[in-house]
Amino acid sequence: MSTAPHFDIDLAAFWHDPYPVLTQLRVEAPIAYVPQLGGVVMTRRDDIAVSEKQIEVFSSHQPEGLMNKLMGHNLMRKDGEDHQAERKVIFPAVSPRTVKGTWREKFQEHTDRILDALVPKGGGDLSDVYARPVSGEALKEITGLTNITYLQIDSFSQGMIDGIANYAGDAEIEARCHAATAGIDAAIDDMLPVLRAHPNQSLLSVMVEAGLDMESARANVKLAISGGQNEPRDAIAGAIWALLNHPDQLELVLSGKVSWLRAFEEYARWISPIGMSPRRVAQHHVIRNVEFHPEDKVFFMFGSANRDEDYFADGHVFDVTRDASKSIAFGAGPHFCAGAAASRSLIADVALPAAFERLKGLRLEGRDEVKVGGWAFRGVLNLPCEWDK
C-alpha cells in the first residue's frame, strides 16, 4: 500500500461539496490516502499533469476496475498502442472536421426544434427540458443509436456513471448499471443491420466499417454514452446557471467582449463535470517521498487541479475573463477526451448562444434553490427558470 498520509473525509459532505476538502488537501496533503474512497488522491495540477502522462506507472488498464467489469474493456481503459489504435479507429466520428462538417448542423437542428417547443411555455427546469434533450439528441447522432429516445440515452448514461462511481458497492446501483448496459446492447443489435446497409459518420458505424471487434465496439459506445450525455448536459445547465448568477459576466458575453467558448471553458474549470479519473499503479514509484506500490488505486482529482492556487488566483470564483488555458477539464495526457471538439461545438457554438437568444429575458425562477452535487462527476441537479413568452 502507498505510504501517502491518511486523510478521512465525510463522503456525503464530499458529494455535496468537495471543494473545501480538496482545498485543504492541496495545502496539507496533496497526495493522500482516503480510506472512504479506498485509494490515493492527487490534488495538485502539476502532479496530475505529469503523472497522467506516465502510463507505465499510472495505468488506465484496470482489469478489476468498475468500468471494465460493468461496461466492458473500452479505449479509456487501455494504454499505449492498444489505446492509440482504437482512438485512431473512432477519430473519423469525432474529429474537428467531422464536428464542423456534419454534427454542428445536426446539433443546431435539434436545439432549434427543442427551443421552438420551449419558448411559448415561459418557464421550466432547463436542466430537464433543455440541457437533457439537447445533449441526448446530439449523442444519439454521434453514437449512431438514433433508434432510442434522448430519455433512454440519459437514463443509460446515469445508470452507468452511478455504477462506475459505486465504490461503496451498493447492489441496487449496480443493478441499474447492468440494466443500462443491456439496454445499449439491445439498441446496438437493432441498429447494426441499418448501419451496415447505410454507413455514416457515427461512432458505431465507423467502428463497424473499420472491422473493430464487436466487444470493443460495444464497450466504446457505452463509454461514449456514459460521459457524452451527463457531461455536456451538466455543462449546458451549469454554464447557464453560472451566467445568470453573474449578470456582469453574462453581459460581457452577450456584448461579444468574451466568447461563448471562453465562458464554457471557464465553467468547466470552475465546476469540472469530470471531477476525477482513476488509475492503477503498475510499478513502484515515488513522488516527494510518497511511495506507490503495484495495484494501488489512484484518483486524479481534475476538479481540484482546476482550482489549484499555483495556476488560478481565486479559483473558487467564476470569471469569464480568466485565462483558463491551463485547465485540465478534458484531461492532460494521452487520454485527453476524444469528444472534446464535439462538446465544445455543442455547448459553445450552439446550446448556450441559442438559449440566451431564443429565451428572451431568461432568468432564474427564484422560488426553488438550484442544487449542485457530485465529486467524481459534478453538475447542477435542477435549473428552474423563467423567460418572456
Protein backbone atom coordinates (compact mmCIF):
# COMPACT_ATOMS: atom_id res chain seq x y z
CA MET A 1 0.00 0.00 0.00
CA SER A 2 1.11 3.57 -0.68
CA THR A 3 2.89 5.44 2.10
CA ALA A 4 0.71 8.51 1.47
CA PRO A 5 -0.66 10.06 4.68
CA HIS A 6 -4.22 9.05 5.57
CA PHE A 7 -6.94 11.67 5.29
CA ASP A 8 -10.51 10.89 6.33
CA ILE A 9 -13.50 12.52 4.68
CA ASP A 10 -17.24 12.63 5.20
CA LEU A 11 -18.33 11.00 1.94
CA ALA A 12 -21.84 12.52 1.98
CA ALA A 13 -20.48 16.02 2.58
CA PHE A 14 -17.82 15.43 -0.08
CA TRP A 15 -20.53 14.57 -2.61
CA HIS A 16 -22.45 17.73 -1.68
CA ASP A 17 -19.39 19.99 -1.99
CA PRO A 18 -15.88 18.51 -2.43
CA TYR A 19 -14.08 21.82 -2.84
CA PRO A 20 -13.40 22.72 0.84
CA VAL A 21 -11.80 19.31 1.39
CA LEU A 22 -9.86 19.49 -1.88
CA THR A 23 -8.52 22.93 -0.92
CA GLN A 24 -7.40 21.55 2.44
CA LEU A 25 -5.75 18.57 0.76
CA ARG A 26 -3.80 20.74 -1.69
CA VAL A 27 -2.30 22.58 1.28
CA GLU A 28 -1.88 19.85 3.89
CA ALA A 29 -1.59 16.56 1.99
CA PRO A 30 -1.63 16.99 -1.81
CA ILE A 31 -1.09 13.24 -2.17
CA ALA A 32 -3.18 11.41 0.42
CA TYR A 33 -4.80 8.04 1.03
CA VAL A 34 -8.54 8.45 1.61
CA PRO A 35 -9.95 5.32 3.29
CA GLN A 36 -13.52 6.21 2.33
CA LEU A 37 -12.51 6.02 -1.35
CA GLY A 38 -10.12 3.11 -0.97
CA GLY A 39 -7.37 4.90 -2.86
CA VAL A 40 -4.83 7.70 -3.08
CA VAL A 41 -5.97 11.10 -4.31
CA MET A 42 -3.74 13.55 -6.17
CA THR A 43 -4.99 17.11 -5.88
CA ARG A 44 -2.35 19.44 -7.35
CA ARG A 45 -2.35 20.26 -11.03
CA ASP A 46 1.37 19.68 -11.60
CA ASP A 47 1.32 16.22 -10.02
CA ILE A 48 -1.67 15.21 -12.11
CA ALA A 49 -0.43 16.71 -15.38
CA VAL A 50 2.90 14.87 -15.05
CA SER A 51 1.53 11.59 -13.69
CA GLU A 52 -1.22 11.27 -16.30
CA LYS A 53 1.47 11.03 -18.98
CA GLN A 54 3.38 8.32 -17.11
CA ILE A 55 1.24 5.44 -18.33
CA GLU A 56 3.92 2.90 -17.44
CA VAL A 57 3.33 3.81 -13.78
CA PHE A 58 -0.21 5.15 -13.58
CA SER A 59 -2.04 2.79 -15.89
CA SER A 60 -5.52 3.18 -17.28
CA HIS A 61 -5.65 -0.59 -17.76
CA GLN A 62 -7.70 -1.71 -14.78
CA PRO A 63 -8.99 -5.28 -15.26
CA GLU A 64 -10.61 -5.26 -11.83
CA GLY A 65 -11.94 -1.71 -12.10
CA LEU A 66 -15.65 -0.92 -12.01
CA MET A 67 -15.71 0.41 -15.57
CA ASN A 68 -14.19 -2.76 -17.01
CA LYS A 69 -16.45 -5.03 -15.00
CA LEU A 70 -19.65 -3.13 -15.71
CA MET A 71 -19.17 -1.64 -19.19
CA GLY A 72 -16.53 -3.73 -20.93
CA HIS A 73 -12.92 -3.02 -21.92
CA ASN A 74 -13.10 0.32 -23.72
CA LEU A 75 -10.34 2.51 -25.09
CA MET A 76 -10.28 4.66 -21.93
CA ARG A 77 -9.07 1.61 -20.03
CA LYS A 78 -6.30 0.79 -22.49
CA ASP A 79 -2.82 2.25 -22.72
CA GLY A 80 -0.09 2.71 -25.31
CA GLU A 81 -0.55 1.15 -28.74
CA ASP A 82 -3.84 -0.51 -27.84
CA HIS A 83 -5.32 2.82 -26.83
CA GLN A 84 -3.94 4.71 -29.82
CA ALA A 85 -5.15 2.07 -32.28
CA GLU A 86 -8.75 2.33 -31.09
CA ARG A 87 -8.53 6.09 -30.84
CA LYS A 88 -7.47 6.15 -34.49
CA VAL A 89 -10.48 3.98 -35.41
CA ILE A 90 -13.01 6.32 -33.77
CA PHE A 91 -11.34 9.58 -34.88
CA PRO A 92 -13.38 9.96 -38.11
CA ALA A 93 -16.55 10.14 -35.99
CA VAL A 94 -15.35 12.87 -33.62
CA SER A 95 -12.65 14.78 -35.50
CA PRO A 96 -12.91 18.59 -35.59
CA ARG A 97 -13.60 18.33 -39.34
CA THR A 98 -16.50 15.89 -38.81
CA VAL A 99 -17.87 18.01 -35.98
CA LYS A 100 -17.80 21.13 -38.14
CA GLY A 101 -18.97 19.48 -41.35
CA THR A 102 -21.55 17.02 -40.04
CA TRP A 103 -22.50 17.26 -36.39
CA ARG A 104 -22.78 21.00 -35.84
CA GLU A 105 -25.69 21.28 -38.28
CA LYS A 106 -27.40 18.36 -36.53
CA PHE A 107 -26.80 19.98 -33.15
CA GLN A 108 -28.42 23.19 -34.36
CA GLU A 109 -31.43 21.41 -35.88
CA HIS A 110 -32.22 19.56 -32.66
CA THR A 111 -31.62 22.61 -30.48
CA ASP A 112 -33.88 24.82 -32.62
CA ARG A 113 -36.66 22.22 -32.50
CA ILE A 114 -36.39 21.90 -28.72
CA LEU A 115 -36.45 25.68 -28.28
CA ASP A 116 -39.44 26.02 -30.62
CA ALA A 117 -41.42 23.98 -28.12
CA LEU A 118 -39.99 25.74 -25.07
CA VAL A 119 -40.36 29.41 -26.00
CA PRO A 120 -44.18 29.59 -25.58
CA LYS A 121 -44.07 27.93 -22.15
CA GLY A 122 -42.40 30.83 -20.35
CA GLY A 123 -40.67 28.69 -17.77
CA GLY A 124 -39.35 25.30 -16.76
CA ASP A 125 -36.41 23.39 -15.36
CA LEU A 126 -33.81 23.99 -18.06
CA SER A 127 -31.68 21.12 -16.81
CA ASP A 128 -34.54 18.78 -17.56
CA VAL A 129 -36.32 20.35 -20.55
CA TYR A 130 -33.35 21.87 -22.37
CA ALA A 131 -29.91 20.59 -21.38
CA ARG A 132 -31.02 16.96 -21.16
CA PRO A 133 -32.69 16.69 -24.59
CA VAL A 134 -30.09 18.86 -26.38
CA SER A 135 -27.27 16.67 -25.10
CA GLY A 136 -29.21 13.46 -25.64
CA GLU A 137 -30.25 14.19 -29.22
CA ALA A 138 -26.68 15.16 -30.11
CA LEU A 139 -25.34 11.96 -28.60
CA LYS A 140 -27.85 9.82 -30.46
CA GLU A 141 -26.47 11.21 -33.72
CA ILE A 142 -22.82 10.80 -32.77
CA THR A 143 -23.15 7.25 -31.44
CA GLY A 144 -25.46 6.14 -34.26
CA LEU A 145 -28.18 5.00 -31.85
CA THR A 146 -30.95 7.07 -33.40
CA ASN A 147 -33.41 4.26 -32.63
CA ILE A 148 -33.75 5.25 -28.97
CA THR A 149 -35.03 8.37 -27.22
CA TYR A 150 -32.98 11.05 -25.52
CA LEU A 151 -34.58 9.99 -22.24
CA GLN A 152 -33.22 6.48 -22.73
CA ILE A 153 -29.79 7.90 -23.53
CA ASP A 154 -29.93 9.95 -20.35
CA SER A 155 -31.11 7.03 -18.24
CA PHE A 156 -28.42 4.74 -19.65
CA SER A 157 -25.75 7.36 -19.01
CA GLN A 158 -26.83 7.98 -15.44
CA GLY A 159 -27.07 4.28 -14.71
CA MET A 160 -23.51 3.72 -15.89
CA ILE A 161 -21.86 6.71 -14.25
CA ASP A 162 -23.55 5.85 -10.97
CA GLY A 163 -22.31 2.29 -11.42
CA ILE A 164 -18.67 3.15 -12.11
CA ALA A 165 -18.60 5.57 -9.15
CA ASN A 166 -20.21 2.97 -6.87
CA TYR A 167 -17.17 2.48 -4.66
CA ALA A 168 -19.41 1.61 -1.71
CA GLY A 169 -20.71 -1.45 -3.59
CA ASP A 170 -24.44 -0.63 -3.45
CA ALA A 171 -26.23 -3.61 -5.08
CA GLU A 172 -29.17 -1.51 -6.29
CA ILE A 173 -26.87 0.93 -8.10
CA GLU A 174 -25.01 -1.97 -9.71
CA ALA A 175 -28.30 -3.49 -10.89
CA ARG A 176 -29.32 -0.21 -12.56
CA CYS A 177 -25.96 -0.12 -14.31
CA HIS A 178 -26.44 -3.66 -15.65
CA ALA A 179 -29.91 -2.69 -16.91
CA ALA A 180 -28.40 0.32 -18.70
CA THR A 181 -25.69 -1.69 -20.47
CA ALA A 182 -28.23 -4.32 -21.50
CA GLY A 183 -30.41 -1.60 -23.00
CA ILE A 184 -27.49 -0.24 -25.00
CA ASP A 185 -26.61 -3.70 -26.29
CA ALA A 186 -30.18 -4.16 -27.47
CA ALA A 187 -30.13 -0.79 -29.25
CA ILE A 188 -26.81 -1.66 -30.93
CA ASP A 189 -28.20 -5.00 -32.13
CA ASP A 190 -31.17 -3.18 -33.62
CA MET A 191 -29.04 -0.61 -35.46
CA LEU A 192 -26.28 -2.85 -36.81
CA PRO A 193 -28.18 -4.01 -39.93
CA VAL A 194 -29.17 -0.42 -40.71
CA LEU A 195 -25.65 0.96 -40.39
CA ARG A 196 -24.11 -1.91 -42.34
CA ALA A 197 -26.51 -1.17 -45.18
CA HIS A 198 -26.17 2.61 -44.87
CA PRO A 199 -22.81 3.60 -43.30
CA ASN A 200 -22.45 7.10 -41.89
CA GLN A 201 -20.09 9.15 -39.73
CA SER A 202 -21.44 7.85 -36.42
CA LEU A 203 -19.23 6.16 -33.85
CA LEU A 204 -20.85 2.75 -34.21
CA SER A 205 -20.74 2.91 -38.00
CA VAL A 206 -17.05 3.88 -38.28
CA MET A 207 -16.05 1.15 -35.83
CA VAL A 208 -18.01 -1.48 -37.78
CA GLU A 209 -16.60 -0.25 -41.10
CA ALA A 210 -13.06 -0.41 -39.68
CA GLY A 211 -13.58 -4.01 -38.61
CA LEU A 212 -13.17 -3.41 -34.87
CA ASP A 213 -14.29 -6.44 -32.89
CA MET A 214 -17.84 -6.05 -31.60
CA GLU A 215 -16.91 -6.50 -27.95
CA SER A 216 -14.68 -3.43 -28.16
CA ALA A 217 -17.22 -1.54 -30.29
CA ARG A 218 -19.95 -2.15 -27.72
CA ALA A 219 -17.67 -1.07 -24.88
CA ASN A 220 -16.73 2.15 -26.70
CA VAL A 221 -20.37 3.04 -27.41
CA LYS A 222 -21.09 2.57 -23.71
CA LEU A 223 -18.12 4.76 -22.86
CA ALA A 224 -19.39 7.48 -25.21
CA ILE A 225 -22.83 7.39 -23.62
CA SER A 226 -21.55 7.29 -20.04
CA GLY A 227 -19.60 10.52 -20.49
CA GLY A 228 -21.11 12.02 -23.61
CA GLN A 229 -24.52 12.65 -22.07
CA ASN A 230 -24.07 13.72 -18.47
CA GLU A 231 -21.07 15.97 -19.03
CA PRO A 232 -22.49 18.18 -21.84
CA ARG A 233 -25.89 18.10 -20.14
CA ASP A 234 -24.44 19.30 -16.86
CA ALA A 235 -22.15 21.83 -18.54
CA ILE A 236 -25.02 23.37 -20.53
CA ALA A 237 -27.23 23.72 -17.47
CA GLY A 238 -24.34 24.72 -15.23
CA ALA A 239 -22.99 27.40 -17.54
CA ILE A 240 -26.47 28.92 -17.92
CA TRP A 241 -26.81 28.94 -14.13
CA ALA A 242 -23.36 30.48 -13.66
CA LEU A 243 -24.01 33.24 -16.20
CA LEU A 244 -27.45 34.05 -14.77
CA ASN A 245 -25.88 34.27 -11.31
CA HIS A 246 -23.20 36.65 -12.63
CA PRO A 247 -25.06 39.22 -14.77
CA ASP A 248 -21.97 41.36 -15.23
CA GLN A 249 -20.17 38.42 -16.80
CA LEU A 250 -23.19 37.48 -18.88
CA GLU A 251 -23.17 41.00 -20.29
CA LEU A 252 -19.52 40.57 -21.33
CA VAL A 253 -20.53 37.50 -23.33
CA LEU A 254 -23.72 38.96 -24.81
CA SER A 255 -21.83 42.09 -25.88
CA GLY A 256 -19.23 39.99 -27.68
CA LYS A 257 -16.35 41.07 -25.45
CA VAL A 258 -15.93 37.48 -24.27
CA SER A 259 -16.71 34.46 -26.45
CA TRP A 260 -19.18 31.73 -25.59
CA LEU A 261 -16.30 29.27 -25.83
CA ARG A 262 -14.33 31.17 -23.21
CA ALA A 263 -17.37 31.22 -20.92
CA PHE A 264 -17.80 27.47 -21.33
CA GLU A 265 -14.09 26.78 -20.71
CA GLU A 266 -14.22 28.85 -17.52
CA TYR A 267 -17.31 27.00 -16.30
CA ALA A 268 -15.63 23.64 -17.00
CA ARG A 269 -12.66 24.83 -14.93
CA TRP A 270 -14.78 26.24 -12.11
CA ILE A 271 -17.05 23.20 -11.72
CA SER A 272 -15.41 20.37 -13.61
CA PRO A 273 -18.11 18.00 -14.95
CA ILE A 274 -15.46 15.25 -14.80
CA GLY A 275 -14.09 15.70 -11.31
CA MET A 276 -11.90 12.61 -11.18
CA SER A 277 -10.17 9.96 -13.29
CA PRO A 278 -8.91 6.70 -11.71
CA ARG A 279 -5.63 4.91 -12.37
CA ARG A 280 -3.96 1.65 -11.32
CA VAL A 281 -0.33 1.73 -10.20
CA ALA A 282 1.61 -0.66 -12.44
CA GLN A 283 5.07 -0.38 -10.86
CA HIS A 284 6.81 1.06 -7.82
CA HIS A 285 7.10 4.84 -7.95
CA VAL A 286 7.97 7.72 -5.63
CA ILE A 287 6.75 11.32 -5.66
CA ARG A 288 8.20 13.62 -2.96
CA ASN A 289 8.86 10.71 -0.56
CA VAL A 290 5.39 9.23 -1.10
CA GLU A 291 5.74 5.66 -2.33
CA PHE A 292 3.32 3.96 -4.68
CA HIS A 293 3.17 0.19 -4.99
CA PRO A 294 1.76 -2.05 -7.73
CA GLU A 295 -2.03 -2.34 -7.70
CA ASP A 296 -2.54 0.79 -5.58
CA LYS A 297 -5.61 2.72 -6.69
CA VAL A 298 -5.05 6.40 -7.55
CA PHE A 299 -7.57 9.14 -8.28
CA PHE A 300 -6.51 12.15 -10.36
CA MET A 301 -8.75 14.90 -8.97
CA PHE A 302 -9.31 17.14 -12.00
CA GLY A 303 -11.77 19.28 -10.07
CA SER A 304 -9.04 20.12 -7.58
CA ALA A 305 -6.36 20.71 -10.23
CA ASN A 306 -8.63 23.23 -11.92
CA ARG A 307 -8.70 25.35 -8.76
CA ASP A 308 -5.01 24.98 -7.93
CA GLU A 309 -3.80 28.23 -6.43
CA ASP A 310 -0.48 27.98 -8.32
CA TYR A 311 -2.38 28.42 -11.59
CA PHE A 312 -5.72 30.04 -10.81
CA ALA A 313 -5.89 33.00 -8.46
CA ASP A 314 -9.21 32.98 -6.59
CA GLY A 315 -10.01 29.69 -8.29
CA HIS A 316 -13.31 29.46 -6.42
CA VAL A 317 -14.54 32.50 -8.37
CA PHE A 318 -16.31 32.18 -11.73
CA ASP A 319 -14.64 34.71 -14.02
CA VAL A 320 -15.13 34.56 -17.80
CA THR A 321 -12.21 36.95 -18.34
CA ARG A 322 -9.81 34.49 -16.75
CA ASP A 323 -7.21 32.63 -18.80
CA ALA A 324 -8.42 29.06 -18.31
CA SER A 325 -5.98 27.53 -20.78
CA LYS A 326 -4.18 25.64 -18.01
CA SER A 327 -7.39 23.90 -17.01
CA ILE A 328 -7.38 20.13 -17.45
CA ALA A 329 -11.14 19.69 -17.58
CA PHE A 330 -10.73 17.39 -20.61
CA GLY A 331 -7.63 15.62 -19.27
CA ALA A 332 -3.93 16.28 -19.71
CA GLY A 333 -2.34 13.22 -21.27
CA PRO A 334 -2.86 10.55 -23.92
CA HIS A 335 -6.39 10.03 -22.61
CA PHE A 336 -7.42 13.61 -23.39
CA CYS A 337 -11.16 13.47 -24.08
CA ALA A 338 -11.75 12.26 -27.65
CA GLY A 339 -15.09 14.05 -27.73
CA ALA A 340 -13.72 17.47 -26.76
CA ALA A 341 -14.34 19.04 -30.17
CA ALA A 342 -17.94 17.81 -30.24
CA SER A 343 -18.53 19.01 -26.69
CA ARG A 344 -17.15 22.47 -27.37
CA SER A 345 -19.22 22.81 -30.53
CA LEU A 346 -22.45 21.59 -28.97
CA ILE A 347 -22.15 23.81 -25.92
CA ALA A 348 -20.28 26.93 -27.05
CA ASP A 349 -21.36 27.13 -30.70
CA VAL A 350 -24.97 26.05 -30.29
CA ALA A 351 -26.61 25.37 -26.92
CA LEU A 352 -25.50 28.40 -24.90
CA PRO A 353 -25.94 31.16 -27.51
CA ALA A 354 -29.25 29.65 -28.70
CA ALA A 355 -30.71 29.56 -25.18
CA PHE A 356 -29.93 33.22 -24.47
CA GLU A 357 -31.03 34.32 -27.93
CA ARG A 358 -34.35 32.48 -28.03
CA LEU A 359 -35.43 32.56 -24.37
CA LYS A 360 -35.96 36.30 -24.02
CA GLY A 361 -35.49 37.72 -20.54
CA LEU A 362 -34.10 34.41 -19.29
CA ARG A 363 -33.81 34.47 -15.51
CA LEU A 364 -33.68 32.16 -12.52
CA GLU A 365 -37.14 31.39 -11.22
CA GLY A 366 -36.10 32.16 -7.64
CA ARG A 367 -38.56 30.06 -5.67
CA ASP A 368 -36.54 26.84 -5.78
CA GLU A 369 -32.87 26.60 -4.85
CA VAL A 370 -30.51 25.36 -7.57
CA LYS A 371 -28.71 22.30 -6.24
CA VAL A 372 -25.27 21.06 -7.25
CA GLY A 373 -23.90 17.61 -6.45
CA GLY A 374 -21.21 15.03 -7.12
CA TRP A 375 -17.44 14.72 -6.88
CA ALA A 376 -16.44 12.12 -9.50
CA PHE A 377 -19.00 13.69 -11.83
CA ARG A 378 -20.37 17.07 -10.77
CA GLY A 379 -23.16 19.29 -12.04
CA VAL A 380 -26.34 21.19 -11.30
CA LEU A 381 -29.25 18.92 -10.46
CA ASN A 382 -32.03 21.37 -11.31
CA LEU A 383 -32.33 24.75 -13.00
CA PRO A 384 -35.75 26.40 -12.52
CA CYS A 385 -36.01 29.36 -14.90
CA GLU A 386 -38.49 31.80 -16.39
CA TRP A 387 -38.48 33.72 -19.64
CA ASP A 388 -40.79 36.05 -21.54
CA LYS A 389 -43.47 34.31 -23.63
